[in-house]
Amino acid sequence: MTADHPSLPPRGLVVCLCAAWCGVCGDYRARFDQVQAKFPGIEFLWVDVEDEADVLDPLDVENFPTLLLAVGEAPRFFGPVTPQTEMLERLVRSQIQDASAPALSDPAVTALLGRIRASR
């Protein structure tokens, strides 16, 4: 439950970190949007690492696509993935919809999540 709305569960968030110049990312965008349509209660964001470099700093994203999945203020997954719809769907189910999925303990990833949420 969130502090603002005690009856609402924490918001799920899926962030794809990509670059406009990346051909793989360009191909993945349609698949990302396709998966988003299957999970209407979860927020999906597309973040260009060059346009949003200040939000990402000090982390560097070197492999594309890289995903950040979170529930509320708790990051659940951060890393590069293969650009397949099945992979993204599986991650959303296991890391966001499964309440027992553990949060990541990396403070840099938690800080990144906070910066992304604050920038929206």
N, C-alpha and C. Protein backbone atom coordinates (compact mmCIF):
# COMPACT_ATOMS: atom_id res chain seq x y z
N MET A 1 0.83 -1.18 0.00
CA MET A 1 0.00 0.00 0.00
C MET A 1 0.87 1.24 0.00
N THR A 2 0.39 2.27 -0.64
CA THR A 2 1.16 3.50 -0.70
C THR A 2 0.71 4.47 0.38
N ALA A 3 1.60 5.38 0.77
CA ALA A 3 1.27 6.34 1.80
C ALA A 3 0.18 7.30 1.32
N ASP A 4 0.20 7.67 0.03
CA ASP A 4 -0.79 8.59 -0.51
C ASP A 4 -2.18 7.96 -0.57
N HIS A 5 -2.23 6.69 -0.89
CA HIS A 5 -3.49 5.98 -1.04
C HIS A 5 -3.36 4.63 -0.36
N PRO A 6 -3.73 4.55 0.93
CA PRO A 6 -3.53 3.32 1.69
C PRO A 6 -4.19 2.08 1.09
N SER A 7 -5.22 2.24 0.27
CA SER A 7 -5.89 1.08 -0.29
C SER A 7 -5.27 0.61 -1.61
N LEU A 8 -4.33 1.36 -2.15
CA LEU A 8 -3.72 1.00 -3.43
C LEU A 8 -2.39 0.28 -3.21
N PRO A 9 -2.14 -0.77 -4.01
CA PRO A 9 -0.83 -1.42 -3.93
C PRO A 9 0.24 -0.50 -4.53
N PRO A 10 1.51 -0.73 -4.18
CA PRO A 10 2.58 0.09 -4.78
C PRO A 10 2.57 -0.04 -6.29
N ARG A 11 2.95 1.04 -6.95
CA ARG A 11 2.95 1.06 -8.42
C ARG A 11 4.08 0.20 -8.98
N GLY A 12 3.73 -0.60 -9.97
CA GLY A 12 4.73 -1.34 -10.71
C GLY A 12 5.28 -0.46 -11.81
N LEU A 13 6.56 -0.61 -12.09
CA LEU A 13 7.22 0.22 -13.09
C LEU A 13 8.19 -0.64 -13.90
N VAL A 14 8.13 -0.48 -15.21
CA VAL A 14 9.08 -1.13 -16.13
C VAL A 14 9.72 -0.01 -16.94
N VAL A 15 11.04 0.10 -16.84
CA VAL A 15 11.78 1.14 -17.56
C VAL A 15 12.73 0.46 -18.53
N CYS A 16 12.63 0.84 -19.80
CA CYS A 16 13.59 0.37 -20.79
C CYS A 16 14.59 1.48 -21.03
N LEU A 17 15.85 1.19 -20.80
CA LEU A 17 16.94 2.13 -21.03
C LEU A 17 17.59 1.77 -22.35
N CYS A 18 17.43 2.65 -23.32
CA CYS A 18 17.93 2.40 -24.67
C CYS A 18 18.53 3.68 -25.24
N ALA A 19 18.94 3.60 -26.50
CA ALA A 19 19.50 4.75 -27.19
C ALA A 19 18.87 4.84 -28.58
N ALA A 20 18.61 6.07 -29.02
CA ALA A 20 17.96 6.29 -30.32
C ALA A 20 18.78 5.70 -31.47
N TRP A 21 20.10 5.73 -31.34
CA TRP A 21 20.96 5.24 -32.42
C TRP A 21 21.05 3.72 -32.47
N CYS A 22 20.54 3.03 -31.46
CA CYS A 22 20.67 1.57 -31.36
C CYS A 22 19.59 0.88 -32.18
N GLY A 23 20.00 0.13 -33.20
CA GLY A 23 19.06 -0.58 -34.05
C GLY A 23 18.25 -1.62 -33.30
N VAL A 24 18.89 -2.33 -32.37
CA VAL A 24 18.18 -3.33 -31.57
C VAL A 24 17.07 -2.65 -30.77
N CYS A 25 17.38 -1.48 -30.20
CA CYS A 25 16.37 -0.75 -29.42
C CYS A 25 15.21 -0.32 -30.30
N GLY A 26 15.51 0.14 -31.50
CA GLY A 26 14.45 0.53 -32.42
C GLY A 26 13.50 -0.62 -32.71
N ASP A 27 14.06 -1.81 -32.92
CA ASP A 27 13.24 -2.99 -33.16
C ASP A 27 12.48 -3.40 -31.91
N TYR A 28 13.09 -3.22 -30.75
CA TYR A 28 12.49 -3.64 -29.48
C TYR A 28 11.34 -2.74 -29.06
N ARG A 29 11.32 -1.51 -29.50
CA ARG A 29 10.30 -0.55 -29.06
C ARG A 29 8.88 -1.07 -29.31
N ALA A 30 8.63 -1.63 -30.48
CA ALA A 30 7.30 -2.15 -30.79
C ALA A 30 6.94 -3.32 -29.87
N ARG A 31 7.91 -4.17 -29.58
CA ARG A 31 7.67 -5.31 -28.68
C ARG A 31 7.40 -4.82 -27.26
N PHE A 32 8.14 -3.81 -26.83
CA PHE A 32 7.96 -3.22 -25.50
C PHE A 32 6.54 -2.66 -25.38
N ASP A 33 6.09 -1.94 -26.41
CA ASP A 33 4.74 -1.38 -26.41
C ASP A 33 3.68 -2.48 -26.42
N GLN A 34 3.97 -3.55 -27.12
CA GLN A 34 3.05 -4.69 -27.20
C GLN A 34 2.87 -5.32 -25.82
N VAL A 35 3.95 -5.49 -25.09
CA VAL A 35 3.87 -6.08 -23.75
C VAL A 35 3.17 -5.10 -22.80
N GLN A 36 3.44 -3.83 -22.94
CA GLN A 36 2.79 -2.82 -22.11
C GLN A 36 1.27 -2.95 -22.18
N ALA A 37 0.74 -3.21 -23.36
CA ALA A 37 -0.70 -3.33 -23.53
C ALA A 37 -1.28 -4.51 -22.75
N LYS A 38 -0.47 -5.51 -22.45
CA LYS A 38 -0.92 -6.69 -21.70
C LYS A 38 -0.95 -6.47 -20.19
N PHE A 39 -0.32 -5.39 -19.72
CA PHE A 39 -0.22 -5.12 -18.28
C PHE A 39 -0.69 -3.69 -18.00
N PRO A 40 -1.99 -3.42 -18.13
CA PRO A 40 -2.48 -2.04 -18.01
C PRO A 40 -2.27 -1.40 -16.63
N GLY A 41 -2.10 -2.16 -15.59
CA GLY A 41 -1.91 -1.59 -14.26
C GLY A 41 -0.47 -1.26 -13.93
N ILE A 42 0.43 -1.48 -14.87
CA ILE A 42 1.86 -1.26 -14.64
C ILE A 42 2.33 -0.14 -15.57
N GLU A 43 3.13 0.76 -15.02
CA GLU A 43 3.65 1.88 -15.81
C GLU A 43 4.89 1.43 -16.59
N PHE A 44 4.91 1.73 -17.87
CA PHE A 44 6.05 1.42 -18.73
C PHE A 44 6.65 2.74 -19.22
N LEU A 45 7.96 2.87 -19.09
CA LEU A 45 8.66 4.07 -19.56
C LEU A 45 9.77 3.68 -20.51
N TRP A 46 9.97 4.48 -21.53
CA TRP A 46 11.07 4.32 -22.48
C TRP A 46 12.01 5.49 -22.23
N VAL A 47 13.23 5.22 -21.84
CA VAL A 47 14.19 6.27 -21.49
C VAL A 47 15.40 6.18 -22.40
N ASP A 48 15.66 7.26 -23.14
CA ASP A 48 16.85 7.33 -23.98
C ASP A 48 18.03 7.72 -23.09
N VAL A 49 19.04 6.86 -23.05
CA VAL A 49 20.17 7.08 -22.13
C VAL A 49 20.96 8.33 -22.44
N GLU A 50 20.90 8.79 -23.69
CA GLU A 50 21.62 10.02 -24.03
C GLU A 50 20.80 11.26 -23.69
N ASP A 51 19.50 11.20 -23.93
CA ASP A 51 18.63 12.33 -23.60
C ASP A 51 18.48 12.52 -22.09
N GLU A 52 18.58 11.43 -21.36
CA GLU A 52 18.38 11.45 -19.90
C GLU A 52 19.67 11.11 -19.14
N ALA A 53 20.81 11.49 -19.69
CA ALA A 53 22.10 11.15 -19.08
C ALA A 53 22.21 11.66 -17.66
N ASP A 54 21.65 12.84 -17.37
CA ASP A 54 21.73 13.39 -16.01
C ASP A 54 20.95 12.55 -15.01
N VAL A 55 19.87 11.92 -15.45
CA VAL A 55 19.09 11.04 -14.57
C VAL A 55 19.86 9.75 -14.30
N LEU A 56 20.56 9.26 -15.28
CA LEU A 56 21.28 7.99 -15.14
C LEU A 56 22.59 8.14 -14.37
N ASP A 57 23.22 9.29 -14.46
CA ASP A 57 24.52 9.50 -13.81
C ASP A 57 24.44 9.21 -12.32
N PRO A 58 25.32 8.43 -11.77
CA PRO A 58 26.62 7.99 -12.26
C PRO A 58 26.64 6.61 -12.93
N LEU A 59 25.48 5.98 -13.11
CA LEU A 59 25.46 4.66 -13.74
C LEU A 59 25.63 4.79 -15.25
N ASP A 60 26.34 3.83 -15.83
CA ASP A 60 26.49 3.76 -17.28
C ASP A 60 25.73 2.55 -17.79
N VAL A 61 24.97 2.75 -18.84
CA VAL A 61 24.28 1.64 -19.49
C VAL A 61 25.03 1.37 -20.78
N GLU A 62 25.60 0.17 -20.87
CA GLU A 62 26.44 -0.16 -22.01
C GLU A 62 25.82 -1.21 -22.92
N ASN A 63 24.85 -1.96 -22.42
CA ASN A 63 24.21 -3.02 -23.20
C ASN A 63 22.73 -2.71 -23.35
N PHE A 64 22.22 -2.90 -24.56
CA PHE A 64 20.84 -2.57 -24.85
C PHE A 64 20.08 -3.79 -25.34
N PRO A 65 18.80 -3.89 -24.98
CA PRO A 65 18.09 -3.07 -24.01
C PRO A 65 18.47 -3.46 -22.57
N THR A 66 18.46 -2.47 -21.70
CA THR A 66 18.61 -2.69 -20.27
C THR A 66 17.30 -2.31 -19.62
N LEU A 67 16.83 -3.16 -18.71
CA LEU A 67 15.56 -2.93 -18.04
C LEU A 67 15.75 -2.68 -16.55
N LEU A 68 14.88 -1.84 -16.02
CA LEU A 68 14.75 -1.62 -14.59
C LEU A 68 13.29 -1.90 -14.27
N LEU A 69 13.05 -2.87 -13.38
CA LEU A 69 11.70 -3.19 -12.94
C LEU A 69 11.61 -2.92 -11.45
N ALA A 70 10.50 -2.33 -11.03
CA ALA A 70 10.35 -1.96 -9.63
C ALA A 70 8.89 -2.04 -9.20
N VAL A 71 8.72 -2.18 -7.90
CA VAL A 71 7.41 -2.07 -7.27
C VAL A 71 7.56 -1.02 -6.19
N GLY A 72 6.81 0.06 -6.31
CA GLY A 72 6.96 1.17 -5.38
C GLY A 72 8.37 1.72 -5.47
N GLU A 73 9.02 1.83 -4.34
CA GLU A 73 10.39 2.35 -4.30
C GLU A 73 11.43 1.24 -4.26
N ALA A 74 11.01 0.01 -4.48
CA ALA A 74 11.91 -1.14 -4.40
C ALA A 74 12.24 -1.68 -5.79
N PRO A 75 13.49 -1.52 -6.24
CA PRO A 75 13.88 -2.12 -7.52
C PRO A 75 13.90 -3.64 -7.38
N ARG A 76 13.40 -4.32 -8.40
CA ARG A 76 13.35 -5.78 -8.38
C ARG A 76 14.29 -6.41 -9.40
N PHE A 77 14.58 -5.68 -10.49
CA PHE A 77 15.47 -6.21 -11.53
C PHE A 77 16.14 -5.03 -12.21
N PHE A 78 17.44 -5.20 -12.50
CA PHE A 78 18.16 -4.20 -13.28
C PHE A 78 19.23 -4.91 -14.06
N GLY A 79 19.15 -4.83 -15.40
CA GLY A 79 20.18 -5.44 -16.22
C GLY A 79 19.76 -5.56 -17.67
N PRO A 80 20.71 -5.93 -18.52
CA PRO A 80 20.42 -6.13 -19.94
C PRO A 80 19.61 -7.41 -20.15
N VAL A 81 18.80 -7.40 -21.19
CA VAL A 81 17.97 -8.56 -21.52
C VAL A 81 18.02 -8.80 -23.02
N THR A 82 17.61 -9.99 -23.41
CA THR A 82 17.45 -10.25 -24.83
C THR A 82 16.16 -9.56 -25.27
N PRO A 83 16.12 -9.01 -26.48
CA PRO A 83 14.98 -8.21 -26.92
C PRO A 83 13.80 -9.05 -27.41
N GLN A 84 13.23 -9.83 -26.51
CA GLN A 84 12.12 -10.71 -26.87
C GLN A 84 10.91 -10.39 -25.99
N THR A 85 9.74 -10.43 -26.57
CA THR A 85 8.52 -10.15 -25.80
C THR A 85 8.33 -11.16 -24.67
N GLU A 86 8.64 -12.42 -24.94
CA GLU A 86 8.45 -13.46 -23.93
C GLU A 86 9.31 -13.19 -22.70
N MET A 87 10.53 -12.73 -22.92
CA MET A 87 11.43 -12.42 -21.81
C MET A 87 10.86 -11.28 -20.96
N LEU A 88 10.38 -10.24 -21.60
CA LEU A 88 9.82 -9.11 -20.87
C LEU A 88 8.57 -9.52 -20.10
N GLU A 89 7.69 -10.27 -20.73
CA GLU A 89 6.48 -10.74 -20.05
C GLU A 89 6.84 -11.58 -18.83
N ARG A 90 7.80 -12.46 -18.97
CA ARG A 90 8.22 -13.32 -17.85
C ARG A 90 8.79 -12.48 -16.71
N LEU A 91 9.59 -11.48 -17.04
CA LEU A 91 10.15 -10.60 -16.01
C LEU A 91 9.06 -9.82 -15.28
N VAL A 92 8.10 -9.30 -16.02
CA VAL A 92 7.01 -8.55 -15.39
C VAL A 92 6.24 -9.45 -14.43
N ARG A 93 5.94 -10.65 -14.86
CA ARG A 93 5.20 -11.58 -13.99
C ARG A 93 6.01 -11.97 -12.76
N SER A 94 7.28 -12.27 -12.94
CA SER A 94 8.08 -12.77 -11.82
C SER A 94 8.61 -11.67 -10.89
N GLN A 95 8.83 -10.48 -11.42
CA GLN A 95 9.45 -9.44 -10.61
C GLN A 95 8.47 -8.37 -10.13
N ILE A 96 7.36 -8.20 -10.81
CA ILE A 96 6.40 -7.16 -10.41
C ILE A 96 5.11 -7.79 -9.87
N GLN A 97 4.55 -8.73 -10.58
CA GLN A 97 3.28 -9.31 -10.15
C GLN A 97 3.44 -10.29 -9.00
N ASP A 98 4.60 -10.88 -8.83
CA ASP A 98 4.86 -11.82 -7.74
C ASP A 98 5.30 -11.04 -6.51
N ALA A 99 4.42 -10.94 -5.53
CA ALA A 99 4.70 -10.15 -4.32
C ALA A 99 5.89 -10.69 -3.53
N SER A 100 6.25 -11.95 -3.74
CA SER A 100 7.36 -12.52 -2.98
C SER A 100 8.73 -12.26 -3.61
N ALA A 101 8.76 -11.62 -4.78
CA ALA A 101 10.04 -11.34 -5.44
C ALA A 101 10.86 -10.38 -4.57
N PRO A 102 12.12 -10.70 -4.33
CA PRO A 102 12.94 -9.85 -3.45
C PRO A 102 13.37 -8.55 -4.14
N ALA A 103 13.55 -7.53 -3.33
CA ALA A 103 14.06 -6.26 -3.84
C ALA A 103 15.58 -6.35 -3.97
N LEU A 104 16.12 -5.57 -4.91
CA LEU A 104 17.57 -5.48 -5.05
C LEU A 104 18.11 -4.62 -3.92
N SER A 105 19.30 -4.93 -3.47
CA SER A 105 19.88 -4.17 -2.37
C SER A 105 20.94 -3.18 -2.82
N ASP A 106 21.14 -3.03 -4.11
CA ASP A 106 22.16 -2.12 -4.64
C ASP A 106 21.70 -0.67 -4.48
N PRO A 107 22.38 0.12 -3.65
CA PRO A 107 21.96 1.51 -3.43
C PRO A 107 22.00 2.36 -4.70
N ALA A 108 22.89 2.05 -5.64
CA ALA A 108 22.97 2.82 -6.88
C ALA A 108 21.72 2.60 -7.72
N VAL A 109 21.19 1.39 -7.74
CA VAL A 109 19.98 1.09 -8.51
C VAL A 109 18.76 1.72 -7.82
N THR A 110 18.73 1.67 -6.49
CA THR A 110 17.64 2.31 -5.75
C THR A 110 17.64 3.81 -6.00
N ALA A 111 18.82 4.42 -6.02
CA ALA A 111 18.93 5.86 -6.29
C ALA A 111 18.48 6.17 -7.72
N LEU A 112 18.86 5.32 -8.68
CA LEU A 112 18.42 5.50 -10.06
C LEU A 112 16.90 5.47 -10.15
N LEU A 113 16.29 4.51 -9.49
CA LEU A 113 14.83 4.41 -9.48
C LEU A 113 14.21 5.70 -8.93
N GLY A 114 14.76 6.21 -7.86
CA GLY A 114 14.26 7.46 -7.28
C GLY A 114 14.38 8.63 -8.24
N ARG A 115 15.51 8.71 -8.96
CA ARG A 115 15.70 9.79 -9.94
C ARG A 115 14.74 9.67 -11.11
N ILE A 116 14.49 8.42 -11.57
CA ILE A 116 13.56 8.22 -12.68
C ILE A 116 12.15 8.60 -12.23
N ARG A 117 11.73 8.15 -11.07
CA ARG A 117 10.39 8.48 -10.58
C ARG A 117 10.24 9.99 -10.41
N ALA A 118 11.27 10.66 -9.88
CA ALA A 118 11.21 12.10 -9.64
C ALA A 118 11.19 12.90 -10.95
N SER A 119 11.77 12.35 -12.01
CA SER A 119 11.84 13.07 -13.29
C SER A 119 10.56 12.97 -14.10
N ARG A 120 9.62 12.16 -13.68
CA ARG A 120 8.38 11.95 -14.44
C ARG A 120 7.27 12.79 -13.93
